[in-house]
Amino acid sequence: MDTVAFQTLGCKVNQYDTQAMLECFEKAGYRVVAFDDIADVYVINTCTVTDTGDKKSLNAVRRAQRRNPGAEVVIAGCLAQRDGEKLLSTGARLILGASRRGQVVDLLEAAVREGRQTVAVEDILRVPFEPLEVSGDEGHTRAVMKIQEGCDRYCTYCIIPYVRGGIRSRALEDIRAEALRLKEAGYRELVLTGIHLTSYGRDLGQGSLADAVEAAAASGVERLRLGSLEPVVATPDFIERIQRIPSLCPQFHLALQSGSDAVLKRMRRRYTREQFTDAARRLNEAFPGCAITTDIITGFPGETEADFEASCSLVREVGFARIHVFPYSARKGTPAADMPDQLPRAVREERARTLIRVGRETASKWAEGQIGRVRPVLAEDGAEGACRGYTPEYAPVIVSGVETGDIVNVRLDCWTGDAFRGTCIDM
């Protein structure tokens, strides 16, 4: 076996885990090729947050097998953790859950030598933080860096605590070391991520998310971005500490899920509508012009028209720069799946479409407030003389005359609906 290809479904944590496995294969002498190419090994890092994630994951397995019927297939990640033994029916050689990813090559090659399928799925509640590492490779500009694993919130709709386990945090000294490695590998921006980033350090009995951010910033990397947060993290102390970090990008993804207190309570979210809007206000005051983004679920069991309208009104009130909207998807084994008053799919999806339209309105209004500002843009890819890059607020910008990897000052001239057009400014 000489070549390996990867397909990643789901979140930024999965992206990190994929990169770590990719580097394991490279160290073992494999050559990485595109997933659309013919490969000897295909690794599919799966997602099971929704039915759609399950379907996309299994479709990727089937595509790989059609592309090269003689290839070895590894199914990794959350769906593998959830359905381990069941996935043997796919013919995959290795089923690898949410641990032992650093052993992926050894596990695969042992299964091939012995002519058997292997299910390497452990009781996720009993494993410690897995110290994976990524070093990055030349040409990339942004790296995802996992500093936390697992969740113990048990929101009633969410399968993730069952497939990712409880909270496990990465040691501060490891965060400093990997951040420095990634900076020295040429990355100009690091994204700190985790399954429940807000809980960082709680399992260690010391340290907090603010400590972790400061540890990563000590590397001297030019940009530092935070992954998804709970609104409860935005305390005055937390905000005061991150304000002192010049490299911190003023983009904050605060997970909302619903604007209705009644629905939030049924979801077992641990904040109210008022607490969420207070958190958004504090961040806007501390970081003028910042981008606040969110996730929202439509059609949760029992959601009334008034509940849904509460979500729409909160989106308008906060003025989100971007929102991600998901129709509720029942996950077997979660309390919400057995709740009464399950809404028809058509209602869930229609409400999602409506909320997406509201989100586009607030995104356009936020973008209008950015026009005329001069912002540093990290150029990431380009074609036909123009580069696409991102401001610290993670606003996409199309600009000419720059090279991939440059950070340049750009005046934001206009908003096209999906990106700014900008002009380089010498400063």
Protein backbone atom coordinates (compact mmCIF):
# COMPACT_ATOMS: atom_id res chain seq x y z
CA MET A 1 0.00 0.00 0.00
CA ASP A 2 1.49 3.29 -1.14
CA THR A 3 -1.23 5.96 -1.35
CA VAL A 4 -3.91 7.24 1.02
CA ALA A 5 -6.83 9.64 0.57
CA PHE A 6 -8.96 11.41 3.17
CA GLN A 7 -12.51 12.71 3.38
CA THR A 8 -13.59 14.74 6.41
CA LEU A 9 -17.19 15.30 7.42
CA GLY A 10 -18.38 17.64 10.15
CA CYS A 11 -16.63 20.05 12.48
CA LYS A 12 -13.21 21.66 12.86
CA VAL A 13 -12.30 19.10 15.52
CA ASN A 14 -12.66 16.44 12.84
CA GLN A 15 -10.45 18.50 10.54
CA TYR A 16 -7.76 18.47 13.20
CA ASP A 17 -8.10 14.73 13.78
CA THR A 18 -7.88 14.10 10.04
CA GLN A 19 -4.70 16.16 9.76
CA ALA A 20 -3.17 14.21 12.65
CA MET A 21 -4.01 10.88 10.98
CA LEU A 22 -2.73 12.16 7.63
CA GLU A 23 0.62 12.96 9.20
CA CYS A 24 0.73 9.46 10.75
CA PHE A 25 0.39 7.97 7.26
CA GLU A 26 3.00 10.34 5.83
CA LYS A 27 5.49 9.37 8.54
CA ALA A 28 4.87 5.71 7.65
CA GLY A 29 5.82 6.41 4.03
CA TYR A 30 2.41 6.80 2.40
CA ARG A 31 1.77 9.40 -0.28
CA VAL A 32 -1.40 11.47 0.20
CA VAL A 33 -3.63 11.89 -2.85
CA ALA A 34 -6.99 13.57 -3.42
CA PHE A 35 -10.11 11.68 -2.42
CA ASP A 36 -11.26 11.70 -6.06
CA ASP A 37 -8.07 9.87 -7.10
CA ILE A 38 -7.43 6.14 -7.10
CA ALA A 39 -5.86 5.31 -3.72
CA ASP A 40 -4.76 2.18 -1.89
CA VAL A 41 -6.35 3.40 1.36
CA TYR A 42 -9.33 5.68 1.94
CA VAL A 43 -9.93 7.22 5.36
CA ILE A 44 -13.38 8.68 5.97
CA ASN A 45 -13.60 10.75 9.16
CA THR A 46 -17.33 10.72 9.85
CA CYS A 47 -19.96 12.92 11.48
CA THR A 48 -23.16 11.81 13.22
CA VAL A 49 -24.58 15.10 14.49
CA THR A 50 -27.55 14.79 12.10
CA ASP A 51 -29.14 12.26 9.74
CA THR A 52 -27.50 14.20 6.94
CA GLY A 53 -24.07 13.67 8.52
CA ASP A 54 -24.71 9.92 8.68
CA LYS A 55 -25.80 9.77 5.06
CA LYS A 56 -22.90 11.84 3.77
CA SER A 57 -20.45 9.72 5.74
CA LEU A 58 -21.79 6.44 4.34
CA ASN A 59 -22.00 7.90 0.83
CA ALA A 60 -18.31 8.77 1.08
CA VAL A 61 -17.53 5.15 2.00
CA ARG A 62 -19.47 3.90 -1.02
CA ARG A 63 -17.77 6.40 -3.35
CA ALA A 64 -14.35 5.24 -2.21
CA GLN A 65 -15.26 1.59 -2.75
CA ARG A 66 -16.61 2.30 -6.24
CA ARG A 67 -13.49 4.26 -7.14
CA ASN A 68 -11.18 1.41 -6.16
CA PRO A 69 -12.95 -1.82 -5.19
CA GLY A 70 -9.62 -3.29 -4.02
CA ALA A 71 -8.79 -0.43 -1.66
CA GLU A 72 -8.68 -0.66 2.12
CA VAL A 73 -11.23 1.60 3.82
CA VAL A 74 -10.95 3.14 7.29
CA ILE A 75 -14.13 4.55 8.84
CA ALA A 76 -13.17 6.87 11.71
CA GLY A 77 -14.82 9.44 13.94
CA CYS A 78 -18.21 9.93 15.52
CA LEU A 79 -20.35 7.61 13.38
CA ALA A 80 -17.73 4.89 13.86
CA GLN A 81 -17.81 5.45 17.62
CA ARG A 82 -21.59 5.22 17.62
CA ASP A 83 -22.16 2.27 15.27
CA GLY A 84 -18.84 0.37 15.46
CA GLU A 85 -19.85 -3.27 14.90
CA LYS A 86 -22.72 -2.33 12.56
CA LEU A 87 -20.27 -0.70 10.15
CA LEU A 88 -18.50 -4.01 9.53
CA SER A 89 -21.25 -4.64 6.98
CA THR A 90 -19.72 -1.91 4.79
CA GLY A 91 -16.64 -4.07 4.24
CA ALA A 92 -14.32 -1.48 5.78
CA ARG A 93 -11.05 -2.94 7.04
CA LEU A 94 -10.81 -0.71 10.13
CA ILE A 95 -13.52 0.95 12.20
CA LEU A 96 -11.80 3.56 14.35
CA GLY A 97 -13.77 5.54 16.93
CA ALA A 98 -12.99 8.79 18.73
CA SER A 99 -9.70 7.54 20.21
CA ARG A 100 -6.52 5.69 19.11
CA ARG A 101 -6.27 7.87 16.00
CA GLY A 102 -2.52 8.13 16.51
CA GLN A 103 -2.37 4.34 16.02
CA VAL A 104 -4.35 4.34 12.76
CA VAL A 105 -1.51 3.06 10.56
CA ASP A 106 -0.49 0.26 12.91
CA LEU A 107 -4.09 -0.85 13.42
CA LEU A 108 -4.81 -0.85 9.69
CA GLU A 109 -1.66 -2.68 8.66
CA ALA A 110 -2.15 -5.31 11.37
CA ALA A 111 -5.71 -5.95 10.16
CA VAL A 112 -4.50 -6.29 6.56
CA ARG A 113 -1.69 -8.69 7.52
CA GLU A 114 -4.06 -10.85 9.52
CA GLY A 115 -6.80 -10.75 6.88
CA ARG A 116 -9.50 -9.51 9.23
CA GLN A 117 -11.68 -6.52 9.93
CA THR A 118 -10.94 -4.59 13.13
CA VAL A 119 -13.27 -2.54 15.29
CA ALA A 120 -11.06 -0.23 17.36
CA VAL A 121 -13.81 1.46 19.35
CA GLU A 122 -13.23 1.98 23.07
CA ASP A 123 -15.49 3.10 25.90
CA ILE A 124 -15.10 6.81 25.29
CA LEU A 125 -16.00 7.66 28.89
CA ARG A 126 -12.81 6.01 30.12
CA VAL A 127 -10.14 7.44 27.83
CA PRO A 128 -7.92 10.48 28.57
CA PHE A 129 -7.19 13.33 26.20
CA GLU A 130 -5.39 11.84 23.21
CA PRO A 131 -2.22 13.88 22.61
CA LEU A 132 -2.35 14.12 18.81
CA GLU A 133 -0.06 16.59 17.11
CA VAL A 134 -0.02 18.34 13.77
CA SER A 135 2.99 20.13 12.35
CA GLY A 136 1.50 21.62 9.21
CA ASP A 137 3.03 21.81 5.79
CA GLU A 138 4.30 24.54 3.53
CA GLY A 139 1.74 26.69 1.74
CA HIS A 140 -1.07 26.65 4.30
CA THR A 141 -2.08 29.84 6.07
CA ARG A 142 -4.57 28.76 8.77
CA ALA A 143 -4.28 25.79 11.14
CA VAL A 144 -6.88 24.22 13.38
CA MET A 145 -5.52 23.34 16.81
CA LYS A 146 -7.55 21.11 19.14
CA ILE A 147 -7.15 21.98 22.80
CA GLN A 148 -10.19 20.25 24.27
CA GLU A 149 -12.18 17.08 23.72
CA GLY A 150 -15.61 15.85 24.85
CA CYS A 151 -18.66 17.39 26.48
CA ASP A 152 -20.69 16.77 29.64
CA ARG A 153 -23.58 19.15 28.98
CA TYR A 154 -25.95 16.47 27.60
CA CYS A 155 -28.26 18.84 25.75
CA THR A 156 -31.39 16.83 25.05
CA TYR A 157 -31.01 16.88 21.24
CA CYS A 158 -27.27 16.14 21.05
CA ILE A 159 -25.53 12.81 20.48
CA ILE A 160 -22.02 14.22 20.84
CA PRO A 161 -21.41 13.49 24.58
CA TYR A 162 -22.23 9.85 23.85
CA VAL A 163 -19.70 9.57 21.01
CA ARG A 164 -17.00 11.99 22.19
CA GLY A 165 -17.09 11.32 25.93
CA GLY A 166 -16.58 13.70 28.83
CA ILE A 167 -14.41 16.79 29.05
CA ARG A 168 -10.68 16.28 28.49
CA SER A 169 -8.36 19.27 28.20
CA ARG A 170 -4.93 19.60 26.70
CA ALA A 171 -2.16 20.69 29.06
CA LEU A 172 -1.14 24.34 28.79
CA GLU A 173 2.49 23.44 28.09
CA ASP A 174 1.35 21.26 25.16
CA ILE A 175 -0.73 24.13 23.80
CA ARG A 176 2.29 26.45 23.94
CA ALA A 177 4.52 23.87 22.24
CA GLU A 178 2.14 23.05 19.38
CA ALA A 179 1.25 26.69 18.76
CA LEU A 180 4.95 27.45 18.42
CA ARG A 181 5.43 24.45 16.09
CA LEU A 182 2.61 25.60 13.86
CA LYS A 183 3.88 29.17 13.75
CA GLU A 184 7.34 27.93 12.81
CA ALA A 185 5.76 25.73 10.10
CA GLY A 186 4.52 28.92 8.44
CA TYR A 187 0.95 29.18 9.67
CA ARG A 188 -0.14 32.76 10.20
CA GLU A 189 -3.43 32.01 11.92
CA LEU A 190 -4.40 29.41 14.52
CA VAL A 191 -7.98 28.42 15.30
CA LEU A 192 -8.39 27.04 18.82
CA THR A 193 -11.12 24.45 18.80
CA GLY A 194 -12.73 21.75 20.90
CA ILE A 195 -15.98 19.87 21.30
CA HIS A 196 -16.99 22.17 24.19
CA LEU A 197 -14.28 24.80 24.20
CA THR A 198 -15.92 26.81 26.98
CA SER A 199 -15.25 23.96 29.44
CA TYR A 200 -11.49 23.98 28.83
CA GLY A 201 -9.54 23.22 32.02
CA ARG A 202 -12.48 22.12 34.18
CA ASP A 203 -11.27 18.51 34.22
CA LEU A 204 -7.72 19.56 35.11
CA GLY A 205 -8.78 21.40 38.23
CA GLN A 206 -6.75 24.36 37.07
CA GLY A 207 -6.58 26.68 34.11
CA SER A 208 -9.36 28.20 32.04
CA LEU A 209 -10.04 29.03 28.42
CA ALA A 210 -8.44 32.44 28.95
CA ASP A 211 -5.26 30.68 30.13
CA ALA A 212 -5.30 28.50 27.02
CA VAL A 213 -5.71 31.51 24.73
CA GLU A 214 -2.80 33.26 26.45
CA ALA A 215 -0.66 30.11 26.13
CA ALA A 216 -1.29 29.90 22.38
CA ALA A 217 -0.71 33.64 21.94
CA ALA A 218 2.71 33.31 23.59
CA SER A 219 3.88 31.59 20.38
CA GLY A 220 3.83 34.96 18.64
CA VAL A 221 1.48 33.75 15.90
CA GLU A 222 0.00 36.70 14.03
CA ARG A 223 -3.63 35.67 14.36
CA LEU A 224 -5.50 33.65 16.93
CA ARG A 225 -9.15 32.70 16.44
CA LEU A 226 -11.56 30.98 18.80
CA GLY A 227 -13.91 28.17 17.83
CA SER A 228 -17.50 27.77 19.01
CA LEU A 229 -18.27 29.17 22.47
CA GLU A 230 -21.13 29.15 24.94
CA PRO A 231 -22.44 32.62 25.83
CA VAL A 232 -21.65 31.99 29.50
CA VAL A 233 -17.95 32.31 28.69
CA ALA A 234 -18.30 36.04 27.97
CA THR A 235 -17.76 37.19 31.54
CA PRO A 236 -16.18 40.59 32.26
CA ASP A 237 -12.97 38.86 33.43
CA PHE A 238 -12.70 36.69 30.30
CA ILE A 239 -13.32 39.64 28.01
CA GLU A 240 -10.81 41.83 29.87
CA ARG A 241 -8.10 39.16 29.49
CA ILE A 242 -8.63 38.45 25.79
CA GLN A 243 -8.78 42.19 25.06
CA ARG A 244 -5.11 42.32 26.03
CA ILE A 245 -4.13 39.82 23.29
CA PRO A 246 -3.37 41.80 20.11
CA SER A 247 -3.44 38.70 17.89
CA LEU A 248 -6.97 37.69 18.92
CA CYS A 249 -9.43 37.91 16.03
CA PRO A 250 -12.67 39.74 16.95
CA GLN A 251 -15.00 37.04 15.67
CA PHE A 252 -17.03 35.17 18.26
CA HIS A 253 -19.20 32.17 17.49
CA LEU A 254 -21.75 32.00 20.31
CA ALA A 255 -23.94 28.91 20.00
CA LEU A 256 -27.60 29.98 20.44
CA GLN A 257 -29.84 27.10 19.21
CA SER A 258 -33.09 28.95 20.02
CA GLY A 259 -34.28 32.41 20.95
CA SER A 260 -37.11 31.03 23.07
CA ASP A 261 -36.57 30.48 26.79
CA ALA A 262 -39.12 27.65 26.76
CA VAL A 263 -37.27 25.83 23.99
CA LEU A 264 -33.86 26.49 25.56
CA LYS A 265 -35.13 24.88 28.76
CA ARG A 266 -36.37 21.79 26.89
CA MET A 267 -33.04 21.63 25.08
CA ARG A 268 -31.29 21.74 28.46
CA ARG A 269 -29.23 24.73 27.40
CA ARG A 270 -27.81 26.49 30.45
CA TYR A 271 -28.58 30.10 29.67
CA THR A 272 -31.57 32.28 28.85
CA ARG A 273 -32.33 34.58 25.97
CA GLU A 274 -31.42 37.58 28.15
CA GLN A 275 -28.08 36.05 29.16
CA PHE A 276 -27.28 35.44 25.51
CA THR A 277 -28.05 39.00 24.43
CA ASP A 278 -26.06 40.34 27.41
CA ALA A 279 -23.04 38.30 26.29
CA ALA A 280 -23.35 39.62 22.73
CA ARG A 281 -23.65 43.20 24.00
CA ARG A 282 -20.54 42.88 26.18
CA LEU A 283 -18.52 41.55 23.26
CA ASN A 284 -19.75 44.30 20.94
CA GLU A 285 -18.81 46.93 23.51
CA ALA A 286 -15.35 45.46 24.07
CA PHE A 287 -14.64 44.80 20.37
CA PRO A 288 -16.42 47.46 18.29
CA GLY A 289 -17.22 46.15 14.82
CA CYS A 290 -16.67 42.54 15.84
CA ALA A 291 -18.50 39.70 14.11
CA ILE A 292 -20.82 37.59 16.22
CA THR A 293 -21.98 34.37 14.57
CA THR A 294 -24.16 31.52 15.76
CA ASP A 295 -25.94 28.20 15.21
CA ILE A 296 -29.73 27.82 15.46
CA ILE A 297 -31.98 24.76 15.34
CA THR A 298 -35.49 25.09 13.90
CA GLY A 299 -38.42 22.82 14.63
CA PHE A 300 -37.30 21.40 17.97
CA PRO A 301 -40.05 19.22 19.50
CA GLY A 302 -42.86 21.42 20.78
CA GLU A 303 -41.54 24.60 19.12
CA THR A 304 -44.55 26.85 18.54
CA GLU A 305 -44.88 29.67 16.03
CA ALA A 306 -44.24 32.08 18.91
CA ASP A 307 -41.08 30.18 19.87
CA PHE A 308 -39.86 30.31 16.30
CA GLU A 309 -40.62 34.02 16.04
CA ALA A 310 -38.57 34.51 19.22
CA SER A 311 -35.58 33.04 17.37
CA CYS A 312 -36.18 35.33 14.39
CA SER A 313 -36.48 38.41 16.58
CA LEU A 314 -33.32 37.56 18.51
CA VAL A 315 -31.36 37.19 15.27
CA ARG A 316 -32.49 40.68 14.27
CA GLU A 317 -31.81 42.09 17.75
CA VAL A 318 -28.22 40.79 17.95
CA GLY A 319 -27.49 41.54 14.28
CA PHE A 320 -25.42 38.44 13.61
CA ALA A 321 -22.74 38.64 10.95
CA ARG A 322 -23.56 35.04 9.97
CA ILE A 323 -25.85 32.30 11.19
CA HIS A 324 -25.87 28.56 10.54
CA VAL A 325 -29.37 27.10 10.55
CA PHE A 326 -30.20 23.42 11.00
CA PRO A 327 -33.65 21.81 10.92
CA TYR A 328 -33.99 19.62 14.01
CA SER A 329 -32.79 16.05 13.40
CA ALA A 330 -33.81 13.40 15.92
CA ARG A 331 -30.87 11.33 17.18
CA LYS A 332 -31.78 7.92 18.55
CA GLY A 333 -30.65 7.63 22.18
CA THR A 334 -31.16 11.31 23.04
CA PRO A 335 -34.05 12.52 25.26
CA ALA A 336 -35.40 14.84 22.56
CA ALA A 337 -36.00 11.93 20.21
CA ASP A 338 -38.67 10.64 22.60
CA MET A 339 -40.29 13.98 23.37
CA PRO A 340 -43.92 14.55 22.39
CA ASP A 341 -44.97 17.09 19.77
CA GLN A 342 -42.37 16.15 17.15
CA LEU A 343 -42.82 18.57 14.24
CA PRO A 344 -43.21 17.39 10.63
CA ARG A 345 -40.06 17.60 8.50
CA ALA A 346 -41.78 20.08 6.18
CA VAL A 347 -42.39 22.49 9.06
CA ARG A 348 -38.82 22.16 10.36
CA GLU A 349 -37.38 22.80 6.91
CA GLU A 350 -39.70 25.69 6.07
CA ARG A 351 -38.76 27.42 9.33
CA ALA A 352 -35.09 26.86 8.49
CA ARG A 353 -35.55 28.54 5.11
CA THR A 354 -37.31 31.48 6.74
CA LEU A 355 -34.59 31.91 9.34
CA ILE A 356 -31.87 31.69 6.70
CA ARG A 357 -33.53 34.64 4.94
CA VAL A 358 -33.56 36.61 8.21
CA GLY A 359 -29.90 35.74 8.70
CA ARG A 360 -29.05 37.04 5.25
CA GLU A 361 -30.70 40.34 6.13
CA THR A 362 -28.63 40.76 9.29
CA ALA A 363 -25.47 39.63 7.49
CA SER A 364 -25.99 42.29 4.83
CA LYS A 365 -26.64 44.95 7.45
CA TRP A 366 -23.49 43.95 9.35
CA ALA A 367 -21.49 44.02 6.10
CA GLU A 368 -22.77 47.50 5.26
CA GLY A 369 -21.30 48.69 8.55
CA GLN A 370 -17.90 47.38 7.48
CA ILE A 371 -17.76 49.20 4.13
CA GLY A 372 -15.02 51.83 4.08
CA ARG A 373 -13.02 50.21 6.89
CA VAL A 374 -9.42 49.26 6.28
CA ARG A 375 -8.79 45.76 7.60
CA PRO A 376 -5.81 43.37 7.47
CA VAL A 377 -6.68 40.53 5.10
CA LEU A 378 -4.97 37.14 5.12
CA ALA A 379 -4.87 35.99 1.48
CA GLU A 380 -5.60 32.28 1.24
CA ASP A 381 -6.20 31.32 -2.37
CA GLY A 382 -6.42 33.00 -5.71
CA ALA A 383 -7.17 32.71 -9.40
CA GLU A 384 -7.04 35.02 -12.42
CA GLY A 385 -5.13 37.72 -10.60
CA ALA A 386 -7.47 37.97 -7.61
CA CYS A 387 -7.06 36.48 -4.15
CA ARG A 388 -9.72 35.51 -1.65
CA GLY A 389 -8.81 36.19 1.94
CA TYR A 390 -10.33 36.92 5.33
CA THR A 391 -10.38 39.83 7.74
CA PRO A 392 -9.89 39.21 11.47
CA GLU A 393 -13.71 39.18 11.65
CA TYR A 394 -13.63 36.27 9.19
CA ALA A 395 -15.29 38.33 6.50
CA PRO A 396 -14.37 37.07 3.01
CA VAL A 397 -12.64 39.60 0.77
CA ILE A 398 -11.71 39.47 -2.93
CA VAL A 399 -8.66 41.62 -3.68
CA SER A 400 -6.20 41.88 -6.55
CA GLY A 401 -2.42 42.18 -6.52
CA VAL A 402 -1.59 40.04 -3.49
CA GLU A 403 0.01 36.64 -3.04
CA THR A 404 -1.32 33.70 -1.08
CA GLY A 405 -0.08 33.88 2.50
CA ASP A 406 0.26 37.67 2.54
CA ILE A 407 -1.43 39.80 5.18
CA VAL A 408 -2.28 43.12 3.54
CA ASN A 409 -4.30 46.18 4.50
CA VAL A 410 -7.45 46.34 2.40
CA ARG A 411 -10.18 48.95 2.17
CA LEU A 412 -13.56 47.24 2.02
CA ASP A 413 -15.25 48.89 -0.95
CA CYS A 414 -18.50 46.97 -1.45
CA TRP A 415 -20.40 43.86 -0.42
CA THR A 416 -21.51 41.49 -3.18
CA GLY A 417 -23.72 39.31 -1.01
CA ASP A 418 -21.13 36.65 -0.35
CA ALA A 419 -17.84 38.60 -0.16
CA PHE A 420 -16.36 42.07 0.00
CA ARG A 421 -14.52 43.61 -2.90
CA GLY A 422 -11.52 45.50 -1.64
CA THR A 423 -8.54 47.65 -2.58
CA CYS A 424 -5.02 47.25 -1.18
CA ILE A 425 -3.92 50.25 0.87
CA ASP A 426 -0.27 51.06 1.59
CA MET A 427 0.14 51.95 5.25
